[in-house]
C-alpha atoms as a PDB file:
ATOM      1  CA  ARG A   1     -21.422 -18.481 -17.675  1.00  0.00           C
ATOM      2  CA  ALA A   2     -23.661 -19.223 -20.586  1.00  0.00           C
ATOM      3  CA  LEU A   3     -20.795 -20.535 -22.662  1.00  0.00           C
ATOM      4  CA  GLN A   4     -19.881 -22.786 -19.824  1.00  0.00           C
ATOM      5  CA  GLU A   5     -23.329 -24.125 -19.020  1.00  0.00           C
ATOM      6  CA  ARG A   6     -25.048 -24.356 -22.429  1.00  0.00           C
ATOM      7  CA  ASN A   7     -22.236 -25.037 -24.834  1.00  0.00           C
ATOM      8  CA  GLY A   8     -19.800 -26.794 -22.564  1.00  0.00           C
ATOM      9  CA  ARG A   9     -17.059 -24.356 -23.539  1.00  0.00           C
ATOM     10  CA  ARG A  10     -14.044 -23.539 -21.471  1.00  0.00           C
ATOM     11  CA  VAL A  11     -13.829 -19.841 -20.422  1.00  0.00           C
ATOM     12  CA  LEU A  12     -10.797 -17.709 -19.817  1.00  0.00           C
ATOM     13  CA  MET A  13     -11.372 -14.537 -17.848  1.00  0.00           C
ATOM     14  CA  CYS A  14      -8.784 -11.806 -17.740  1.00  0.00           C
ATOM     15  CA  GLY A  15      -9.203  -8.812 -15.534  1.00  0.00           C
ATOM     16  CA  ASP A  16      -7.558  -6.545 -12.998  1.00  0.00           C
ATOM     17  CA  GLY A  17      -8.616  -8.606  -9.955  1.00  0.00           C
ATOM     18  CA  GLY A  18     -10.507  -5.687  -8.485  1.00  0.00           C
ATOM     19  CA  ASN A  19     -14.182  -5.345  -9.464  1.00  0.00           C
ATOM     20  CA  ASP A  20     -14.206  -8.525 -11.574  1.00  0.00           C
ATOM     21  CA  VAL A  21     -13.051 -11.029  -9.012  1.00  0.00           C
ATOM     22  CA  GLY A  22     -16.345 -12.882  -9.161  1.00  0.00           C
ATOM     23  CA  ALA A  23     -16.013 -13.520 -12.871  1.00  0.00           C
ATOM     24  CA  LEU A  24     -12.343 -14.507 -12.431  1.00  0.00           C
ATOM     25  CA  LYS A  25     -13.452 -17.109  -9.845  1.00  0.00           C
ATOM     26  CA  GLN A  26     -16.228 -18.495 -12.099  1.00  0.00           C
ATOM     27  CA  ALA A  27     -14.080 -18.883 -15.161  1.00  0.00           C
ATOM     28  CA  ASP A  28     -12.216 -22.110 -15.847  1.00  0.00           C
ATOM     29  CA  VAL A  29      -9.072 -20.084 -15.992  1.00  0.00           C
ATOM     30  CA  GLY A  30      -9.032 -16.643 -14.279  1.00  0.00           C
ATOM     31  CA  LEU A  31      -6.083 -14.346 -14.837  1.00  0.00           C
ATOM     32  CA  ALA A  32      -5.752 -11.296 -12.608  1.00  0.00           C
ATOM     33  CA  LEU A  33      -3.359  -8.717 -14.178  1.00  0.00           C
ATOM     34  CA  LEU A  34      -2.974  -6.607 -11.000  1.00  0.00           C
ATOM     35  CA  SER A  35      -2.644  -7.609  -7.396  1.00  0.00           C
ATOM     36  CA  GLY A  36      -6.384  -7.107  -6.966  1.00  0.00           C
ATOM     37  CA  TYR A  37      -8.349  -6.798  -3.773  1.00  0.00           C
ATOM     38  CA  GLY A  38      -8.864 -10.411  -2.728  1.00  0.00           C
ATOM     39  CA  ASP A  39     -12.668 -11.029  -2.339  1.00  0.00           C
ATOM     40  CA  GLN A  40     -13.563  -7.766  -0.690  1.00  0.00           C
ATOM     41  CA  ASN A  41     -16.106  -6.866  -3.363  1.00  0.00           C
ATOM     42  CA  THR A  42     -17.844 -10.283  -3.299  1.00  0.00           C
ATOM     43  CA  SER A  43     -17.859 -11.130   0.412  1.00  0.00           C
ATOM     44  CA  GLY A  44     -19.901  -9.993   3.366  1.00  0.00           C
ATOM     45  CA  GLU A  45     -16.819 -10.305   5.462  1.00  0.00           C
ATOM     46  CA  GLU A  46     -13.470  -8.661   5.367  1.00  0.00           C
ATOM     47  CA  ALA A  47     -10.968 -10.416   3.172  1.00  0.00           C
ATOM     48  CA  ARG A  48      -9.415 -13.431   4.811  1.00  0.00           C
ATOM     49  CA  PRO A  49      -5.948 -14.807   4.130  1.00  0.00           C
ATOM     50  CA  ASP A  50      -7.399 -18.022   2.765  1.00  0.00           C
ATOM     51  CA  GLY A  51      -9.421 -16.069   0.173  1.00  0.00           C
ATOM     52  CA  LYS A  52     -12.791 -17.592   1.232  1.00  0.00           C
ATOM     53  CA  GLY A  53     -15.875 -15.534   1.860  1.00  0.00           C
ATOM     54  CA  GLY A  54     -19.582 -15.534   1.222  1.00  0.00           C
ATOM     55  CA  GLY A  55     -22.417 -13.315  -0.035  1.00  0.00           C
ATOM     56  CA  ALA A  56     -22.228  -9.927  -1.936  1.00  0.00           C
ATOM     57  CA  LEU A  57     -21.634  -6.625  -0.269  1.00  0.00           C
ATOM     58  CA  THR A  58     -24.341  -4.004  -0.440  1.00  0.00           C
ATOM     59  CA  GLY A  59     -24.736  -0.269   0.166  1.00  0.00           C
ATOM     60  CA  GLY A  60     -21.337   0.828  -1.099  1.00  0.00           C
ATOM     61  CA  LYS A  61     -19.478  -1.225   1.489  1.00  0.00           C
ATOM     62  CA  ALA A  62     -17.302  -2.913  -1.156  1.00  0.00           C
ATOM     63  CA  GLU A  63     -16.103   0.462  -2.379  1.00  0.00           C
ATOM     64  CA  GLU A  64     -15.264   1.572   1.167  1.00  0.00           C
ATOM     65  CA  LEU A  65     -13.318  -1.629   1.848  1.00  0.00           C
ATOM     66  CA  LEU A  66     -11.413  -1.324  -1.441  1.00  0.00           C
ATOM     67  CA  ASN A  67     -10.558   2.312  -0.709  1.00  0.00           C
ATOM     68  CA  SER A  68      -9.487   1.450   2.841  1.00  0.00           C
ATOM     69  CA  GLN A  69      -7.298  -1.354   1.654  1.00  0.00           C
ATOM     70  CA  THR A  70      -5.701   0.885  -1.015  1.00  0.00           C
ATOM     71  CA  LEU A  71      -4.889   3.546   1.535  1.00  0.00           C
ATOM     72  CA  ASP A  72      -3.487   0.995   3.979  1.00  0.00           C
ATOM     73  CA  LEU A  73      -1.219  -0.539   1.304  1.00  0.00           C
ATOM     74  CA  ALA A  74      -0.024   2.949   0.315  1.00  0.00           C
ATOM     75  CA  ARG A  75       0.714   3.752   3.921  1.00  0.00           C
ATOM     76  CA  LYS A  76       2.662   0.459   4.411  1.00  0.00           C
ATOM     77  CA  ALA A  77       4.601   1.074   1.173  1.00  0.00           C
ATOM     78  CA  ALA A  78       5.635   4.578   2.312  1.00  0.00           C
ATOM     79  CA  VAL A  79       6.748   3.296   5.737  1.00  0.00           C
ATOM     80  CA  ALA A  80       8.672   0.465   4.161  1.00  0.00           C
ATOM     81  CA  ALA A  81      10.360   2.850   1.622  1.00  0.00           C
ATOM     82  CA  GLN A  82      11.379   5.206   4.460  1.00  0.00           C
ATOM     83  CA  LEU A  83      12.779   2.347   6.575  1.00  0.00           C
ATOM     84  CA  THR A  84      14.714   1.114   3.560  1.00  0.00           C
ATOM     85  CA  ARG A  85      16.082   4.553   2.738  1.00  0.00           C
ATOM     86  CA  THR A  86      17.232   5.197   6.311  1.00  0.00           C
ATOM     87  CA  ALA A  87      18.884   1.827   6.743  1.00  0.00           C
ATOM     88  CA  LEU A  88      20.619   1.983   3.362  1.00  0.00           C
ATOM     89  CA  ALA A  89      21.928   5.491   4.067  1.00  0.00           C
ATOM     90  CA  ALA A  90      23.416   4.238   7.429  1.00  0.00           C
ATOM     91  CA  LYS A  91      24.965   1.276   5.679  1.00  0.00           C
ATOM     92  CA  GLN A  92      26.473   3.561   3.024  1.00  0.00           C
ATOM     93  CA  ARG A  93      28.012   5.726   5.758  1.00  0.00           C
ATOM     94  CA  GLU A  94      29.460   2.668   7.492  1.00  0.00           C
ATOM     95  CA  LEU A  95      30.959   1.289   4.270  1.00  0.00           C
ATOM     96  CA  GLN A  96      32.421   4.620   3.218  1.00  0.00           C
ATOM     97  CA  GLY A  97      34.185   4.660   6.604  1.00  0.00           C
ATOM     98  CA  LYS A  98      35.655   1.275   5.843  1.00  0.00           C
ATOM     99  CA  GLN A  99      36.712   2.214   2.320  1.00  0.00           C
ATOM    100  CA  ALA A 100      39.789   4.068   3.591  1.00  0.00           C
ATOM    101  CA  GLN A 101      40.853   0.865   5.383  1.00  0.00           C
ATOM    102  CA  TRP A 102      40.200  -1.224   2.226  1.00  0.00           C
ATOM    103  CA  LEU A 103      42.372   1.185   0.241  1.00  0.00           C
ATOM    104  CA  GLN A 104      45.224   0.768   2.730  1.00  0.00           C
ATOM    105  CA  GLU A 105      44.828  -3.049   2.662  1.00  0.00           C
ATOM    106  CA  GLY A 106      44.805  -3.012  -1.107  1.00  0.00           C
ATOM    107  CA  LEU A 107      48.027  -0.922  -1.332  1.00  0.00           C
ATOM    108  CA  ALA A 108      49.721  -3.129   1.230  1.00  0.00           C
ATOM    109  CA  ALA A 109      48.708  -6.265  -0.675  1.00  0.00           C
ATOM    110  CA  ARG A 110      50.088  -4.824  -3.926  1.00  0.00           C
ATOM    111  CA  GLU A 111      53.364  -3.820  -2.268  1.00  0.00           C
ATOM    112  CA  ALA A 112      53.680  -7.244  -0.615  1.00  0.00           C
ATOM    113  CA  ALA A 113      53.073  -8.917  -3.960  1.00  0.00           C
ATOM    114  CA  GLY A 114      55.774  -6.706  -5.577  1.00  0.00           C
ATOM    115  CA  LEU A 115      53.286  -5.053  -8.006  1.00  0.00           C
ATOM    116  CA  SER A 116      53.619  -1.563  -9.307  1.00  0.00           C
ATOM    117  CA  MET A 117      52.838   1.145  -6.783  1.00  0.00           C
ATOM    118  CA  GLY A 118      52.633   3.958  -9.461  1.00  0.00           C
ATOM    119  CA  VAL A 119      49.523   5.868 -10.461  1.00  0.00           C
ATOM    120  CA  MET A 120      47.972   2.936 -12.297  1.00  0.00           C
ATOM    121  CA  GLY A 121      48.526   0.727  -9.227  1.00  0.00           C
ATOM    122  CA  HIS A 122      46.717   3.261  -7.086  1.00  0.00           C
ATOM    123  CA  VAL A 123      43.903   3.460  -9.665  1.00  0.00           C
ATOM    124  CA  ALA A 124      43.567  -0.362  -9.603  1.00  0.00           C
ATOM    125  CA  VAL A 125      43.233  -0.352  -5.768  1.00  0.00           C
ATOM    126  CA  VAL A 126      40.709   2.492  -5.856  1.00  0.00           C
ATOM    127  CA  LYS A 127      38.664   0.644  -8.518  1.00  0.00           C
ATOM    128  CA  ALA A 128      38.686  -2.608  -6.439  1.00  0.00           C
ATOM    129  CA  SER A 129      37.602  -0.656  -3.318  1.00  0.00           C
ATOM    130  CA  THR A 130      34.834   1.096  -5.233  1.00  0.00           C
ATOM    131  CA  ILE A 131      33.554  -2.246  -6.636  1.00  0.00           C
ATOM    132  CA  ARG A 132      33.586  -3.766  -3.196  1.00  0.00           C
ATOM    133  CA  LEU A 133      31.599  -0.804  -1.837  1.00  0.00           C
ATOM    134  CA  ARG A 134      29.007  -1.194  -4.594  1.00  0.00           C
ATOM    135  CA  GLN A 135      28.680  -4.954  -4.075  1.00  0.00           C
ATOM    136  CA  GLU A 136      28.181  -4.482  -0.366  1.00  0.00           C
ATOM    137  CA  LEU A 137      25.432  -1.872  -1.074  1.00  0.00           C
ATOM    138  CA  VAL A 138      23.667  -4.187  -3.488  1.00  0.00           C
ATOM    139  CA  THR A 139      23.716  -6.964  -0.977  1.00  0.00           C
ATOM    140  CA  GLU A 140      22.291  -4.642   1.720  1.00  0.00           C
ATOM    141  CA  ARG A 141      19.618  -3.354  -0.733  1.00  0.00           C
ATOM    142  CA  ARG A 142      18.522  -6.968  -1.410  1.00  0.00           C
ATOM    143  CA  ARG A 143      18.402  -7.739   2.292  1.00  0.00           C
ATOM    144  CA  LEU A 144      16.289  -4.661   2.948  1.00  0.00           C
ATOM    145  CA  ALA A 145      14.004  -5.494   0.086  1.00  0.00           C
ATOM    146  CA  ALA A 146      13.386  -8.912   1.581  1.00  0.00           C
ATOM    147  CA  LEU A 147      12.767  -7.438   4.971  1.00  0.00           C
ATOM    148  CA  HIS A 148      10.574  -4.429   4.069  1.00  0.00           C
ATOM    149  CA  GLY A 149       9.707  -4.852   0.421  1.00  0.00           C
ATOM    150  CA  ASN A 150       6.425  -6.790   0.172  1.00  0.00           C
ATOM    151  CA  VAL A 151       3.610  -4.686   1.574  1.00  0.00           C
ATOM    152  CA  PHE A 152       1.041  -7.156   0.196  1.00  0.00           C
ATOM    153  CA  ASP A 153       2.292  -9.982   2.506  1.00  0.00           C
ATOM    154  CA  ALA A 154      -0.241 -10.184   5.340  1.00  0.00           C
ATOM    155  CA  GLN A 155       1.720 -12.807   7.128  1.00  0.00           C
ATOM    156  CA  ARG A 156       4.889 -10.714   7.216  1.00  0.00           C
ATOM    157  CA  ASP A 157       2.817  -7.758   8.398  1.00  0.00           C
ATOM    158  CA  ALA A 158       1.264  -9.843  11.251  1.00  0.00           C
ATOM    159  CA  LEU A 159       4.737 -10.991  12.360  1.00  0.00           C
ATOM    160  CA  SER A 160       6.039  -7.458  12.480  1.00  0.00           C
ATOM    161  CA  LYS A 161       3.382  -6.366  15.033  1.00  0.00           C
END
């Protein structure tokens, strides 16, 4: 602050966004390296989505709020990970069931096109089917990540209740 007020200098503050959020806000440029804790350690109120708050916390309340928020985020992350694992496993079972059909379709397409039906022809069909399975799983993983992935998004959390 002294550099800013007395010398007219610009100040860059770099921190984790947790216990140094006040200094990050005062600096001309504040860079939080981690997700941080909003303004829970500088506000007399619980953190609001708009990031505004007032006064300093006293009596260890900031530490309690930070610990509570950390536990809540860990709980949300565990629930999201479990939902993702369960949904991805179900999708994998569904796709593996379809894989036999894809193999039959691939063999029929090769035969209709007059291509070789030998061992290498079968290997090509198996490879194409496996690639399709993998691409479908990647697409599903991305969809699930968008649905369950961001435990820090308070708006998404409010909509899911």
